Amino acid sequence: MKYIRAKAYENAIQKVRVEFGTLIGLEKDEDAYVVLKELPTLEMMQLNEAHEKGRKELLEFFVEVLPLIIVEHNLYETETEKMTNDEVARFIYEKLDLTGKVIGEYASASFFTRENAEDAR
């Protein structure tokens, strides 16, 4: 058996779905979401360092990387025009509760997976 990136890449990269519809005035959390992909190794190390330094550093780290790790979302600017990843990131950063939820759930899921991998060694 061999690894074929075109076929297996999607399953090899961790993704986290964060639902937040009620935070933005929708009826259910699942009515609005973003799916964020796993960071590359260097950025994951920077995330870990930012997490250890504190909330402000973690938020500053995500300002730059959030648009780059969004792989899916259901947010629209108009009835037919989907928001760009940069627009979604700016929207998330407009509301403190939303920012905290998205970054918190992503960081928790990422660290949980990394810690489990280290424990398995």
PDB file of N, CA and C in Angstrom:
ATOM      1  N   MET A   1       0.849  -1.184   0.000  1.00  0.00           N
ATOM      2  CA  MET A   1       0.000   0.000   0.000  1.00  0.00           C
ATOM      3  C   MET A   1       0.888   1.237   0.000  1.00  0.00           C
ATOM      4  N   LYS A   2       0.442   2.283  -0.666  1.00  0.00           N
ATOM      5  CA  LYS A   2       1.212   3.508  -0.707  1.00  0.00           C
ATOM      6  C   LYS A   2       0.320   4.695  -0.385  1.00  0.00           C
ATOM      7  N   TYR A   3       0.945   5.749   0.077  1.00  0.00           N
ATOM      8  CA  TYR A   3       0.239   6.989   0.399  1.00  0.00           C
ATOM      9  C   TYR A   3       0.120   7.823  -0.864  1.00  0.00           C
ATOM     10  N   ILE A   4      -1.077   8.183  -1.222  1.00  0.00           N
ATOM     11  CA  ILE A   4      -1.315   9.035  -2.379  1.00  0.00           C
ATOM     12  C   ILE A   4      -1.959  10.309  -1.858  1.00  0.00           C
ATOM     13  N   ARG A   5      -1.197  11.381  -1.889  1.00  0.00           N
ATOM     14  CA  ARG A   5      -1.638  12.638  -1.288  1.00  0.00           C
ATOM     15  C   ARG A   5      -3.007  13.088  -1.790  1.00  0.00           C
ATOM     16  N   ALA A   6      -3.221  13.004  -3.081  1.00  0.00           N
ATOM     17  CA  ALA A   6      -4.484  13.475  -3.654  1.00  0.00           C
ATOM     18  C   ALA A   6      -5.684  12.726  -3.077  1.00  0.00           C
ATOM     19  N   LYS A   7      -5.482  11.493  -2.664  1.00  0.00           N
ATOM     20  CA  LYS A   7      -6.579  10.690  -2.124  1.00  0.00           C
ATOM     21  C   LYS A   7      -6.658  10.755  -0.598  1.00  0.00           C
ATOM     22  N   ALA A   8      -5.525  10.852   0.069  1.00  0.00           N
ATOM     23  CA  ALA A   8      -5.497  10.680   1.523  1.00  0.00           C
ATOM     24  C   ALA A   8      -5.302  11.968   2.326  1.00  0.00           C
ATOM     25  N   TYR A   9      -4.942  13.057   1.688  1.00  0.00           N
ATOM     26  CA  TYR A   9      -4.599  14.288   2.400  1.00  0.00           C
ATOM     27  C   TYR A   9      -5.724  14.774   3.307  1.00  0.00           C
ATOM     28  N   GLU A  10      -6.947  14.761   2.807  1.00  0.00           N
ATOM     29  CA  GLU A  10      -8.077  15.254   3.596  1.00  0.00           C
ATOM     30  C   GLU A  10      -8.240  14.479   4.901  1.00  0.00           C
ATOM     31  N   ASN A  11      -7.959  13.191   4.878  1.00  0.00           N
ATOM     32  CA  ASN A  11      -8.071  12.381   6.091  1.00  0.00           C
ATOM     33  C   ASN A  11      -6.850  12.507   6.992  1.00  0.00           C
ATOM     34  N   ALA A  12      -5.739  12.939   6.448  1.00  0.00           N
ATOM     35  CA  ALA A  12      -4.507  13.040   7.232  1.00  0.00           C
ATOM     36  C   ALA A  12      -4.451  14.328   8.042  1.00  0.00           C
ATOM     37  N   ILE A  13      -5.145  15.354   7.613  1.00  0.00           N
ATOM     38  CA  ILE A  13      -5.098  16.649   8.280  1.00  0.00           C
ATOM     39  C   ILE A  13      -6.308  16.781   9.201  1.00  0.00           C
ATOM     40  N   GLN A  14      -6.047  17.073  10.465  1.00  0.00           N
ATOM     41  CA  GLN A  14      -7.111  17.244  11.451  1.00  0.00           C
ATOM     42  C   GLN A  14      -7.913  18.505  11.148  1.00  0.00           C
ATOM     43  N   LYS A  15      -9.209  18.416  11.351  1.00  0.00           N
ATOM     44  CA  LYS A  15     -10.085  19.571  11.177  1.00  0.00           C
ATOM     45  C   LYS A  15     -10.992  19.682  12.395  1.00  0.00           C
ATOM     46  N   VAL A  16     -11.346  20.907  12.717  1.00  0.00           N
ATOM     47  CA  VAL A  16     -12.212  21.176  13.853  1.00  0.00           C
ATOM     48  C   VAL A  16     -13.376  22.029  13.364  1.00  0.00           C
ATOM     49  N   ARG A  17     -14.577  21.579  13.623  1.00  0.00           N
ATOM     50  CA  ARG A  17     -15.781  22.349  13.271  1.00  0.00           C
ATOM     51  C   ARG A  17     -16.241  23.075  14.531  1.00  0.00           C
ATOM     52  N   VAL A  18     -16.383  24.391  14.412  1.00  0.00           N
ATOM     53  CA  VAL A  18     -16.850  25.211  15.533  1.00  0.00           C
ATOM     54  C   VAL A  18     -18.179  25.828  15.125  1.00  0.00           C
ATOM     55  N   GLU A  19     -19.216  25.517  15.894  1.00  0.00           N
ATOM     56  CA  GLU A  19     -20.558  26.027  15.628  1.00  0.00           C
ATOM     57  C   GLU A  19     -20.864  27.158  16.599  1.00  0.00           C
ATOM     58  N   PHE A  20     -21.492  28.237  16.094  1.00  0.00           N
ATOM     59  CA  PHE A  20     -21.691  29.417  16.942  1.00  0.00           C
ATOM     60  C   PHE A  20     -22.922  30.236  16.570  1.00  0.00           C
ATOM     61  N   GLY A  21     -23.910  29.613  15.984  1.00  0.00           N
ATOM     62  CA  GLY A  21     -25.083  30.337  15.521  1.00  0.00           C
ATOM     63  C   GLY A  21     -25.762  31.183  16.589  1.00  0.00           C
ATOM     64  N   THR A  22     -25.919  30.659  17.799  1.00  0.00           N
ATOM     65  CA  THR A  22     -26.624  31.422  18.840  1.00  0.00           C
ATOM     66  C   THR A  22     -25.847  32.663  19.264  1.00  0.00           C
ATOM     67  N   LEU A  23     -24.536  32.636  19.120  1.00  0.00           N
ATOM     68  CA  LEU A  23     -23.731  33.813  19.477  1.00  0.00           C
ATOM     69  C   LEU A  23     -23.931  34.973  18.507  1.00  0.00           C
ATOM     70  N   ILE A  24     -24.439  34.676  17.324  1.00  0.00           N
ATOM     71  CA  ILE A  24     -24.645  35.749  16.342  1.00  0.00           C
ATOM     72  C   ILE A  24     -26.122  35.947  16.020  1.00  0.00           C
ATOM     73  N   GLY A  25     -26.982  35.484  16.918  1.00  0.00           N
ATOM     74  CA  GLY A  25     -28.405  35.763  16.789  1.00  0.00           C
ATOM     75  C   GLY A  25     -29.232  34.751  16.026  1.00  0.00           C
ATOM     76  N   LEU A  26     -28.656  33.618  15.693  1.00  0.00           N
ATOM     77  CA  LEU A  26     -29.419  32.570  15.014  1.00  0.00           C
ATOM     78  C   LEU A  26     -30.056  31.641  16.046  1.00  0.00           C
ATOM     79  N   GLU A  27     -30.958  30.810  15.586  1.00  0.00           N
ATOM     80  CA  GLU A  27     -31.718  29.956  16.486  1.00  0.00           C
ATOM     81  C   GLU A  27     -30.881  28.847  17.132  1.00  0.00           C
ATOM     82  N   LYS A  28     -30.030  28.196  16.333  1.00  0.00           N
ATOM     83  CA  LYS A  28     -29.236  27.071  16.832  1.00  0.00           C
ATOM     84  C   LYS A  28     -27.762  27.290  16.511  1.00  0.00           C
ATOM     85  N   ASP A  29     -26.892  26.727  17.337  1.00  0.00           N
ATOM     86  CA  ASP A  29     -25.455  26.851  17.088  1.00  0.00           C
ATOM     87  C   ASP A  29     -25.060  26.300  15.727  1.00  0.00           C
ATOM     88  N   GLU A  30     -25.650  25.187  15.316  1.00  0.00           N
ATOM     89  CA  GLU A  30     -25.255  24.579  14.040  1.00  0.00           C
ATOM     90  C   GLU A  30     -25.652  25.401  12.820  1.00  0.00           C
ATOM     91  N   ASP A  31     -26.417  26.473  13.023  1.00  0.00           N
ATOM     92  CA  ASP A  31     -26.813  27.331  11.908  1.00  0.00           C
ATOM     93  C   ASP A  31     -25.662  28.188  11.363  1.00  0.00           C
ATOM     94  N   ALA A  32     -24.583  28.332  12.114  1.00  0.00           N
ATOM     95  CA  ALA A  32     -23.393  29.056  11.638  1.00  0.00           C
ATOM     96  C   ALA A  32     -22.160  28.308  12.132  1.00  0.00           C
ATOM     97  N   TYR A  33     -21.212  28.117  11.238  1.00  0.00           N
ATOM     98  CA  TYR A  33     -20.022  27.352  11.623  1.00  0.00           C
ATOM     99  C   TYR A  33     -18.815  27.723  10.761  1.00  0.00           C
ATOM    100  N   VAL A  34     -17.654  27.366  11.274  1.00  0.00           N
ATOM    101  CA  VAL A  34     -16.422  27.370  10.497  1.00  0.00           C
ATOM    102  C   VAL A  34     -15.736  26.030  10.737  1.00  0.00           C
ATOM    103  N   VAL A  35     -15.015  25.564   9.737  1.00  0.00           N
ATOM    104  CA  VAL A  35     -14.180  24.375   9.870  1.00  0.00           C
ATOM    105  C   VAL A  35     -12.746  24.850   9.689  1.00  0.00           C
ATOM    106  N   LEU A  36     -11.928  24.564  10.694  1.00  0.00           N
ATOM    107  CA  LEU A  36     -10.533  24.994  10.687  1.00  0.00           C
ATOM    108  C   LEU A  36      -9.630  23.777  10.580  1.00  0.00           C
ATOM    109  N   LYS A  37      -8.603  23.893   9.753  1.00  0.00           N
ATOM    110  CA  LYS A  37      -7.684  22.767   9.574  1.00  0.00           C
ATOM    111  C   LYS A  37      -6.504  22.875  10.526  1.00  0.00           C
ATOM    112  N   GLU A  38      -5.841  21.778  10.669  1.00  0.00           N
ATOM    113  CA  GLU A  38      -4.638  21.669  11.487  1.00  0.00           C
ATOM    114  C   GLU A  38      -3.553  22.605  10.954  1.00  0.00           C
ATOM    115  N   LEU A  39      -2.837  23.212  11.865  1.00  0.00           N
ATOM    116  CA  LEU A  39      -1.718  24.074  11.491  1.00  0.00           C
ATOM    117  C   LEU A  39      -0.507  23.239  11.089  1.00  0.00           C
ATOM    118  N   PRO A  40       0.321  23.760  10.198  1.00  0.00           N
ATOM    119  CA  PRO A  40       1.596  23.107   9.926  1.00  0.00           C
ATOM    120  C   PRO A  40       2.458  23.083  11.193  1.00  0.00           C
ATOM    121  N   THR A  41       3.465  22.261  11.219  1.00  0.00           N
ATOM    122  CA  THR A  41       4.263  22.012  12.419  1.00  0.00           C
ATOM    123  C   THR A  41       4.825  23.282  13.050  1.00  0.00           C
ATOM    124  N   LEU A  42       5.466  24.144  12.289  1.00  0.00           N
ATOM    125  CA  LEU A  42       6.065  25.354  12.847  1.00  0.00           C
ATOM    126  C   LEU A  42       5.005  26.242  13.486  1.00  0.00           C
ATOM    127  N   GLU A  43       3.895  26.438  12.805  1.00  0.00           N
ATOM    128  CA  GLU A  43       2.817  27.261  13.350  1.00  0.00           C
ATOM    129  C   GLU A  43       2.190  26.609  14.575  1.00  0.00           C
ATOM    130  N   MET A  44       2.141  25.268  14.611  1.00  0.00           N
ATOM    131  CA  MET A  44       1.617  24.578  15.783  1.00  0.00           C
ATOM    132  C   MET A  44       2.511  24.834  16.994  1.00  0.00           C
ATOM    133  N   MET A  45       3.810  24.875  16.772  1.00  0.00           N
ATOM    134  CA  MET A  45       4.739  25.192  17.861  1.00  0.00           C
ATOM    135  C   MET A  45       4.541  26.635  18.322  1.00  0.00           C
ATOM    136  N   GLN A  46       4.319  27.546  17.376  1.00  0.00           N
ATOM    137  CA  GLN A  46       4.057  28.944  17.726  1.00  0.00           C
ATOM    138  C   GLN A  46       2.739  29.075  18.486  1.00  0.00           C
ATOM    139  N   LEU A  47       1.748  28.287  18.106  1.00  0.00           N
ATOM    140  CA  LEU A  47       0.471  28.268  18.819  1.00  0.00           C
ATOM    141  C   LEU A  47       0.677  27.812  20.255  1.00  0.00           C
ATOM    142  N   ASN A  48       1.457  26.779  20.443  1.00  0.00           N
ATOM    143  CA  ASN A  48       1.742  26.277  21.781  1.00  0.00           C
ATOM    144  C   ASN A  48       2.432  27.351  22.624  1.00  0.00           C
ATOM    145  N   GLU A  49       3.413  28.039  22.043  1.00  0.00           N
ATOM    146  CA  GLU A  49       4.113  29.103  22.759  1.00  0.00           C
ATOM    147  C   GLU A  49       3.167  30.248  23.112  1.00  0.00           C
ATOM    148  N   ALA A  50       2.311  30.636  22.171  1.00  0.00           N
ATOM    149  CA  ALA A  50       1.353  31.713  22.420  1.00  0.00           C
ATOM    150  C   ALA A  50       0.370  31.307  23.511  1.00  0.00           C
ATOM    151  N   HIS A  51      -0.056  30.054  23.489  1.00  0.00           N
ATOM    152  CA  HIS A  51      -0.989  29.542  24.492  1.00  0.00           C
ATOM    153  C   HIS A  51      -0.355  29.601  25.885  1.00  0.00           C
ATOM    154  N   GLU A  52       0.918  29.261  25.977  1.00  0.00           N
ATOM    155  CA  GLU A  52       1.622  29.282  27.267  1.00  0.00           C
ATOM    156  C   GLU A  52       1.829  30.709  27.778  1.00  0.00           C
ATOM    157  N   LYS A  53       1.980  31.671  26.869  1.00  0.00           N
ATOM    158  CA  LYS A  53       2.217  33.060  27.271  1.00  0.00           C
ATOM    159  C   LYS A  53       0.956  33.720  27.801  1.00  0.00           C
ATOM    160  N   GLY A  54      -0.189  33.375  27.232  1.00  0.00           N
ATOM    161  CA  GLY A  54      -1.424  33.962  27.724  1.00  0.00           C
ATOM    162  C   GLY A  54      -2.415  34.270  26.622  1.00  0.00           C
ATOM    163  N   ARG A  55      -3.584  34.712  27.040  1.00  0.00           N
ATOM    164  CA  ARG A  55      -4.698  34.944  26.123  1.00  0.00           C
ATOM    165  C   ARG A  55      -4.396  36.009  25.070  1.00  0.00           C
ATOM    166  N   LYS A  56      -3.771  37.106  25.458  1.00  0.00           N
ATOM    167  CA  LYS A  56      -3.476  38.186  24.510  1.00  0.00           C
ATOM    168  C   LYS A  56      -2.570  37.689  23.380  1.00  0.00           C
ATOM    169  N   GLU A  57      -1.534  36.960  23.735  1.00  0.00           N
ATOM    170  CA  GLU A  57      -0.609  36.434  22.727  1.00  0.00           C
ATOM    171  C   GLU A  57      -1.306  35.424  21.813  1.00  0.00           C
ATOM    172  N   LEU A  58      -2.200  34.621  22.399  1.00  0.00           N
ATOM    173  CA  LEU A  58      -2.944  33.642  21.610  1.00  0.00           C
ATOM    174  C   LEU A  58      -3.843  34.348  20.598  1.00  0.00           C
ATOM    175  N   LEU A  59      -4.519  35.397  21.041  1.00  0.00           N
ATOM    176  CA  LEU A  59      -5.385  36.158  20.141  1.00  0.00           C
ATOM    177  C   LEU A  59      -4.580  36.825  19.032  1.00  0.00           C
ATOM    178  N   GLU A  60      -3.427  37.383  19.375  1.00  0.00           N
ATOM    179  CA  GLU A  60      -2.574  38.021  18.369  1.00  0.00           C
ATOM    180  C   GLU A  60      -2.071  37.005  17.340  1.00  0.00           C
ATOM    181  N   PHE A  61      -1.742  35.805  17.793  1.00  0.00           N
ATOM    182  CA  PHE A  61      -1.290  34.758  16.885  1.00  0.00           C
ATOM    183  C   PHE A  61      -2.378  34.428  15.860  1.00  0.00           C
ATOM    184  N   PHE A  62      -3.609  34.317  16.331  1.00  0.00           N
ATOM    185  CA  PHE A  62      -4.699  33.915  15.449  1.00  0.00           C
ATOM    186  C   PHE A  62      -5.133  34.999  14.475  1.00  0.00           C
ATOM    187  N   VAL A  63      -4.845  36.252  14.753  1.00  0.00           N
ATOM    188  CA  VAL A  63      -5.199  37.317  13.810  1.00  0.00           C
ATOM    189  C   VAL A  63      -4.606  36.999  12.438  1.00  0.00           C
ATOM    190  N   GLU A  64      -3.377  36.539  12.418  1.00  0.00           N
ATOM    191  CA  GLU A  64      -2.696  36.252  11.150  1.00  0.00           C
ATOM    192  C   GLU A  64      -3.066  34.907  10.555  1.00  0.00           C
ATOM    193  N   VAL A  65      -3.187  33.876  11.395  1.00  0.00           N
ATOM    194  CA  VAL A  65      -3.357  32.531  10.840  1.00  0.00           C
ATOM    195  C   VAL A  65      -4.801  32.117  10.603  1.00  0.00           C
ATOM    196  N   LEU A  66      -5.752  32.747  11.272  1.00  0.00           N
ATOM    197  CA  LEU A  66      -7.143  32.308  11.139  1.00  0.00           C
ATOM    198  C   LEU A  66      -7.625  32.254   9.691  1.00  0.00           C
ATOM    199  N   PRO A  67      -7.412  33.294   8.872  1.00  0.00           N
ATOM    200  CA  PRO A  67      -7.891  33.198   7.480  1.00  0.00           C
ATOM    201  C   PRO A  67      -7.239  32.056   6.696  1.00  0.00           C
ATOM    202  N   LEU A  68      -6.037  31.668   7.081  1.00  0.00           N
ATOM    203  CA  LEU A  68      -5.298  30.633   6.360  1.00  0.00           C
ATOM    204  C   LEU A  68      -5.759  29.218   6.694  1.00  0.00           C
ATOM    205  N   ILE A  69      -6.412  29.043   7.841  1.00  0.00           N
ATOM    206  CA  ILE A  69      -6.792  27.693   8.255  1.00  0.00           C
ATOM    207  C   ILE A  69      -8.286  27.419   8.102  1.00  0.00           C
ATOM    208  N   ILE A  70      -9.047  28.392   7.626  1.00  0.00           N
ATOM    209  CA  ILE A  70     -10.474  28.163   7.376  1.00  0.00           C
ATOM    210  C   ILE A  70     -10.604  27.335   6.100  1.00  0.00           C
ATOM    211  N   VAL A  71     -11.217  26.159   6.205  1.00  0.00           N
ATOM    212  CA  VAL A  71     -11.413  25.311   5.024  1.00  0.00           C
ATOM    213  C   VAL A  71     -12.868  25.255   4.587  1.00  0.00           C
ATOM    214  N   GLU A  72     -13.757  25.659   5.483  1.00  0.00           N
ATOM    215  CA  GLU A  72     -15.180  25.635   5.145  1.00  0.00           C
ATOM    216  C   GLU A  72     -15.920  26.549   6.115  1.00  0.00           C
ATOM    217  N   HIS A  73     -16.984  27.154   5.638  1.00  0.00           N
ATOM    218  CA  HIS A  73     -17.866  27.953   6.493  1.00  0.00           C
ATOM    219  C   HIS A  73     -19.184  28.160   5.771  1.00  0.00           C
ATOM    220  N   ASN A  74     -20.177  28.633   6.494  1.00  0.00           N
ATOM    221  CA  ASN A  74     -21.474  28.898   5.863  1.00  0.00           C
ATOM    222  C   ASN A  74     -21.927  30.337   6.110  1.00  0.00           C
ATOM    223  N   LEU A  75     -20.998  31.258   6.055  1.00  0.00           N
ATOM    224  CA  LEU A  75     -21.281  32.669   6.290  1.00  0.00           C
ATOM    225  C   LEU A  75     -21.312  33.424   4.963  1.00  0.00           C
ATOM    226  N   TYR A  76     -22.341  34.232   4.792  1.00  0.00           N
ATOM    227  CA  TYR A  76     -22.554  34.951   3.545  1.00  0.00           C
ATOM    228  C   TYR A  76     -22.621  36.449   3.791  1.00  0.00           C
ATOM    229  N   GLU A  77     -22.087  37.212   2.864  1.00  0.00           N
ATOM    230  CA  GLU A  77     -22.165  38.670   2.895  1.00  0.00           C
ATOM    231  C   GLU A  77     -23.556  39.127   2.470  1.00  0.00           C
ATOM    232  N   THR A  78     -24.080  38.483   1.442  1.00  0.00           N
ATOM    233  CA  THR A  78     -25.434  38.743   0.945  1.00  0.00           C
ATOM    234  C   THR A  78     -26.119  37.397   0.770  1.00  0.00           C
ATOM    235  N   GLU A  79     -27.298  37.394   0.223  1.00  0.00           N
ATOM    236  CA  GLU A  79     -28.035  36.137  -0.003  1.00  0.00           C
ATOM    237  C   GLU A  79     -27.260  35.151  -0.881  1.00  0.00           C
ATOM    238  N   THR A  80     -26.441  35.662  -1.787  1.00  0.00           N
ATOM    239  CA  THR A  80     -25.748  34.788  -2.742  1.00  0.00           C
ATOM    240  C   THR A  80     -24.230  34.862  -2.667  1.00  0.00           C
ATOM    241  N   GLU A  81     -23.689  35.865  -2.006  1.00  0.00           N
ATOM    242  CA  GLU A  81     -22.238  36.074  -1.985  1.00  0.00           C
ATOM    243  C   GLU A  81     -21.628  35.566  -0.676  1.00  0.00           C
ATOM    244  N   LYS A  82     -20.855  34.511  -0.785  1.00  0.00           N
ATOM    245  CA  LYS A  82     -20.190  33.922   0.375  1.00  0.00           C
ATOM    246  C   LYS A  82     -19.048  34.826   0.832  1.00  0.00           C
ATOM    247  N   MET A  83     -18.861  34.937   2.128  1.00  0.00           N
ATOM    248  CA  MET A  83     -17.764  35.742   2.680  1.00  0.00           C
ATOM    249  C   MET A  83     -16.430  35.066   2.370  1.00  0.00           C
ATOM    250  N   THR A  84     -15.399  35.862   2.157  1.00  0.00           N
ATOM    251  CA  THR A  84     -14.053  35.315   1.980  1.00  0.00           C
ATOM    252  C   THR A  84     -13.524  34.901   3.345  1.00  0.00           C
ATOM    253  N   ASN A  85     -12.449  34.136   3.349  1.00  0.00           N
ATOM    254  CA  ASN A  85     -11.845  33.733   4.621  1.00  0.00           C
ATOM    255  C   ASN A  85     -11.381  34.937   5.435  1.00  0.00           C
ATOM    256  N   ASP A  86     -10.849  35.958   4.771  1.00  0.00           N
ATOM    257  CA  ASP A  86     -10.434  37.169   5.483  1.00  0.00           C
ATOM    258  C   ASP A  86     -11.639  37.857   6.119  1.00  0.00           C
ATOM    259  N   GLU A  87     -12.752  37.919   5.402  1.00  0.00           N
ATOM    260  CA  GLU A  87     -13.963  38.532   5.946  1.00  0.00           C
ATOM    261  C   GLU A  87     -14.511  37.730   7.125  1.00  0.00           C
ATOM    262  N   VAL A  88     -14.465  36.411   7.021  1.00  0.00           N
ATOM    263  CA  VAL A  88     -14.924  35.559   8.127  1.00  0.00           C
ATOM    264  C   VAL A  88     -14.052  35.801   9.361  1.00  0.00           C
ATOM    265  N   ALA A  89     -12.746  35.850   9.169  1.00  0.00           N
ATOM    266  CA  ALA A  89     -11.839  36.085  10.299  1.00  0.00           C
ATOM    267  C   ALA A  89     -12.119  37.443  10.942  1.00  0.00           C
ATOM    268  N   ARG A  90     -12.295  38.479  10.139  1.00  0.00           N
ATOM    269  CA  ARG A  90     -12.618  39.806  10.691  1.00  0.00           C
ATOM    270  C   ARG A  90     -13.944  39.777  11.442  1.00  0.00           C
ATOM    271  N   PHE A  91     -14.933  39.080  10.891  1.00  0.00           N
ATOM    272  CA  PHE A  91     -16.231  38.947  11.542  1.00  0.00           C
ATOM    273  C   PHE A  91     -16.093  38.256  12.899  1.00  0.00           C
ATOM    274  N   ILE A  92     -15.327  37.187  12.949  1.00  0.00           N
ATOM    275  CA  ILE A  92     -15.119  36.459  14.203  1.00  0.00           C
ATOM    276  C   ILE A  92     -14.477  37.368  15.236  1.00  0.00           C
ATOM    277  N   TYR A  93     -13.539  38.191  14.807  1.00  0.00           N
ATOM    278  CA  TYR A  93     -12.828  39.081  15.734  1.00  0.00           C
ATOM    279  C   TYR A  93     -13.646  40.306  16.153  1.00  0.00           C
ATOM    280  N   GLU A  94     -14.805  40.517  15.554  1.00  0.00           N
ATOM    281  CA  GLU A  94     -15.647  41.652  15.940  1.00  0.00           C
ATOM    282  C   GLU A  94     -16.372  41.416  17.262  1.00  0.00           C
ATOM    283  N   LYS A  95     -16.528  40.182  17.671  1.00  0.00           N
ATOM    284  CA  LYS A  95     -17.309  39.848  18.860  1.00  0.00           C
ATOM    285  C   LYS A  95     -16.453  39.001  19.798  1.00  0.00           C
ATOM    286  N   LEU A  96     -16.229  39.493  21.001  1.00  0.00           N
ATOM    287  CA  LEU A  96     -15.340  38.828  21.955  1.00  0.00           C
ATOM    288  C   LEU A  96     -15.775  37.400  22.260  1.00  0.00           C
ATOM    289  N   ASP A  97     -17.069  37.185  22.507  1.00  0.00           N
ATOM    290  CA  ASP A  97     -17.547  35.829  22.815  1.00  0.00           C
ATOM    291  C   ASP A  97     -17.290  34.875  21.655  1.00  0.00           C
ATOM    292  N   LEU A  98     -17.498  35.365  20.442  1.00  0.00           N
ATOM    293  CA  LEU A  98     -17.289  34.544  19.249  1.00  0.00           C
ATOM    294  C   LEU A  98     -15.804  34.234  19.070  1.00  0.00           C
ATOM    295  N   THR A  99     -14.983  35.231  19.244  1.00  0.00           N
ATOM    296  CA  THR A  99     -13.533  35.031  19.144  1.00  0.00           C
ATOM    297  C   THR A  99     -13.082  33.975  20.146  1.00  0.00           C
ATOM    298  N   GLY A 100     -13.527  34.118  21.376  1.00  0.00           N
ATOM    299  CA  GLY A 100     -13.150  33.167  22.427  1.00  0.00           C
ATOM    300  C   GLY A 100     -13.596  31.750  22.130  1.00  0.00           C
ATOM    301  N   LYS A 101     -14.809  31.612  21.621  1.00  0.00           N
ATOM    302  CA  LYS A 101     -15.327  30.276  21.313  1.00  0.00           C
ATOM    303  C   LYS A 101     -14.537  29.616  20.188  1.00  0.00           C
ATOM    304  N   VAL A 102     -14.331  30.342  19.092  1.00  0.00           N
ATOM    305  CA  VAL A 102     -13.643  29.760  17.933  1.00  0.00           C
ATOM    306  C   VAL A 102     -12.200  29.400  18.289  1.00  0.00           C
ATOM    307  N   ILE A 103     -11.488  30.326  18.873  1.00  0.00           N
ATOM    308  CA  ILE A 103     -10.080  30.072  19.203  1.00  0.00           C
ATOM    309  C   ILE A 103      -9.963  29.040  20.318  1.00  0.00           C
ATOM    310  N   GLY A 104     -10.834  29.142  21.313  1.00  0.00           N
ATOM    311  CA  GLY A 104     -10.788  28.194  22.423  1.00  0.00           C
ATOM    312  C   GLY A 104     -11.033  26.762  21.993  1.00  0.00           C
ATOM    313  N   GLU A 105     -12.072  26.551  21.191  1.00  0.00           N
ATOM    314  CA  GLU A 105     -12.374  25.191  20.733  1.00  0.00           C
ATOM    315  C   GLU A 105     -11.281  24.657  19.810  1.00  0.00           C
ATOM    316  N   TYR A 106     -10.753  25.525  18.960  1.00  0.00           N
ATOM    317  CA  TYR A 106      -9.686  25.092  18.057  1.00  0.00           C
ATOM    318  C   TYR A 106      -8.431  24.724  18.853  1.00  0.00           C
ATOM    319  N   ALA A 107      -8.022  25.593  19.746  1.00  0.00           N
ATOM    320  CA  ALA A 107      -6.803  25.340  20.530  1.00  0.00           C
ATOM    321  C   ALA A 107      -6.961  24.097  21.390  1.00  0.00           C
ATOM    322  N   SER A 108      -8.110  23.918  21.986  1.00  0.00           N
ATOM    323  CA  SER A 108      -8.343  22.735  22.822  1.00  0.00           C
ATOM    324  C   SER A 108      -8.266  21.456  22.009  1.00  0.00           C
ATOM    325  N   ALA A 109      -8.890  21.447  20.851  1.00  0.00           N
ATOM    326  CA  ALA A 109      -8.871  20.259  20.003  1.00  0.00           C
ATOM    327  C   ALA A 109      -7.465  19.967  19.508  1.00  0.00           C
ATOM    328  N   SER A 110      -6.730  20.990  19.133  1.00  0.00           N
ATOM    329  CA  SER A 110      -5.370  20.802  18.628  1.00  0.00           C
ATOM    330  C   SER A 110      -4.457  20.269  19.713  1.00  0.00           C
ATOM    331  N   PHE A 111      -4.517  20.856  20.880  1.00  0.00           N
ATOM    332  CA  PHE A 111      -3.641  20.411  21.965  1.00  0.00           C
ATOM    333  C   PHE A 111      -4.037  19.027  22.445  1.00  0.00           C
ATOM    334  N   PHE A 112      -5.315  18.717  22.473  1.00  0.00           N
ATOM    335  CA  PHE A 112      -5.783  17.408  22.893  1.00  0.00           C
ATOM    336  C   PHE A 112      -5.195  16.330  22.002  1.00  0.00           C
ATOM    337  N   THR A 113      -5.229  16.540  20.700  1.00  0.00           N
ATOM    338  CA  THR A 113      -4.687  15.569  19.752  1.00  0.00           C
ATOM    339  C   THR A 113      -3.181  15.436  19.921  1.00  0.00           C
ATOM    340  N   ARG A 114      -2.473  16.555  20.065  1.00  0.00           N
ATOM    341  CA  ARG A 114      -1.028  16.515  20.207  1.00  0.00           C
ATOM    342  C   ARG A 114      -0.625  15.793  21.491  1.00  0.00           C
ATOM    343  N   GLU A 115      -1.321  16.062  22.587  1.00  0.00           N
ATOM    344  CA  GLU A 115      -1.006  15.429  23.855  1.00  0.00           C
ATOM    345  C   GLU A 115      -1.252  13.932  23.789  1.00  0.00           C
ATOM    346  N   ASN A 116      -2.327  13.504  23.108  1.00  0.00           N
ATOM    347  CA  ASN A 116      -2.583  12.093  22.961  1.00  0.00           C
ATOM    348  C   ASN A 116      -1.494  11.406  22.149  1.00  0.00           C
ATOM    349  N   ALA A 117      -1.002  12.072  21.119  1.00  0.00           N
ATOM    350  CA  ALA A 117       0.073  11.512  20.291  1.00  0.00           C
ATOM    351  C   ALA A 117       1.344  11.356  21.129  1.00  0.00           C
ATOM    352  N   GLU A 118       1.623  12.333  21.990  1.00  0.00           N
ATOM    353  CA  GLU A 118       2.821  12.246  22.837  1.00  0.00           C
ATOM    354  C   GLU A 118       2.663  11.154  23.874  1.00  0.00           C
ATOM    355  N   ASP A 119       1.468  10.980  24.434  1.00  0.00           N
ATOM    356  CA  ASP A 119       1.216   9.928  25.428  1.00  0.00           C
ATOM    357  C   ASP A 119       1.363   8.541  24.820  1.00  0.00           C
ATOM    358  N   ALA A 120       1.060   8.400  23.547  1.00  0.00           N
ATOM    359  CA  ALA A 120       1.095   7.100  22.893  1.00  0.00           C
ATOM    360  C   ALA A 120       2.513   6.624  22.618  1.00  0.00           C
ATOM    361  N   ARG A 121       3.477   7.520  22.704  1.00  0.00           N
ATOM    362  CA  ARG A 121       4.874   7.132  22.406  1.00  0.00           C
ATOM    363  C   ARG A 121       5.472   6.247  23.462  1.00  0.00           C
TER     364      ARG A 121
END
